[in-house]
């Protein structure tokens, strides 16, 4: 219970569930952080090195993200210990078993995250009926395929540029983590004239100052290969992606990739956080002092959860993309204007926005309503 007390505060968490079933090698954690605004939506992350601590922090990020986006949903996160590249039948068995174990946890709606996709959400839907980011064939809007999060990031970048005094046309972009979020962010930004000059994945970094062919890179990734299989560029170590000078740096992988020990290596003008909690607070402070603008994660990367929430309500992809654009542009401008006028970190301005909305929602409810009984939210 130490983790619960370490991370508990006035907002949550509501509940923490550890799931262990040795017969199918299932080890997983669910953190439902806050449901004042409605049932919690949060992704299922799968990796060998996930942790309860990571789950706590990501669940809070989802609470803030959903509140800032004005969604009728609280925040949660689940993590599943395992190799996401395991055989499809083994992965299906694990995910179905995990979903089944949470059948009565009505506060939580599954979504895709690192290591899971729309097929995984279809298994969850079949088991318990509560998931978003589903395949088209069963009425969903496949978030990774359409690039909902990347679409939102591209608009956050667009709004942030006047605060940085440079143009998107010709801007040099570096993506740390060329997965579902990173590749789509790069694709949408390239359509507006930006140039992707470097990208990395778990195998290493590819760098070409003249620009990378994004569609070729995406083709390699879709074929199960690495950015390191791209032939025209310098092949560098995975961590070298931090050192490449650029105009826009987009972290789109794991938490805490930039921290107090390596933030000095980052040479950019704008950081737009495509991943959840990719920078530590001290790193953001350091960049702010250097005049580097950081658009916080739960503002910049909300496109995916907005799309998922709208899918859950039966909206179309066209409607979802329009609302993502409206919400991301409005919230990014609001946060950056507040940051500039009060001379505070963008994250501080974003927290004031999100926490204010959460506390207002909590004021309308009794804590006793936050029970685990089905139908209580």
Foldseek 3Di string as FASTA:
>chain_A
DVLQVVLDDPQDFLDKDWDDDVVLRWTKIKTRHHFLLHQAEEEEAEEQDDDPNQQSQRQVLSQLLCLLLVHSHGGMYMYIHDHLPPDPVSVLVRLLVVLLVCLLQQSYAYEHDHSDWQVSQVSSCVRRNGYALHDVVVQHDNCLVVQQLLLLLLLLCVLCCVVLPDDLAAFEEEEQACGSNRLSVQVVSVVVHHFHAKYFHPAFMWGDPVGDDSVVQVVQVVVVHTSVPDDPGDTGGSLCSQQDATAEYEYADDAANAEPVCLVNHHYQEYEYQHANNHDPVSLVVCVVVNRAYQHHSLRRSRSVQSRSVSVVSDDPVVSSVSSSVSSSVSSNQLVVVCVVVVHHSVVSSCVSSVVSSVVSVVVDDPVLSDSGPPSD
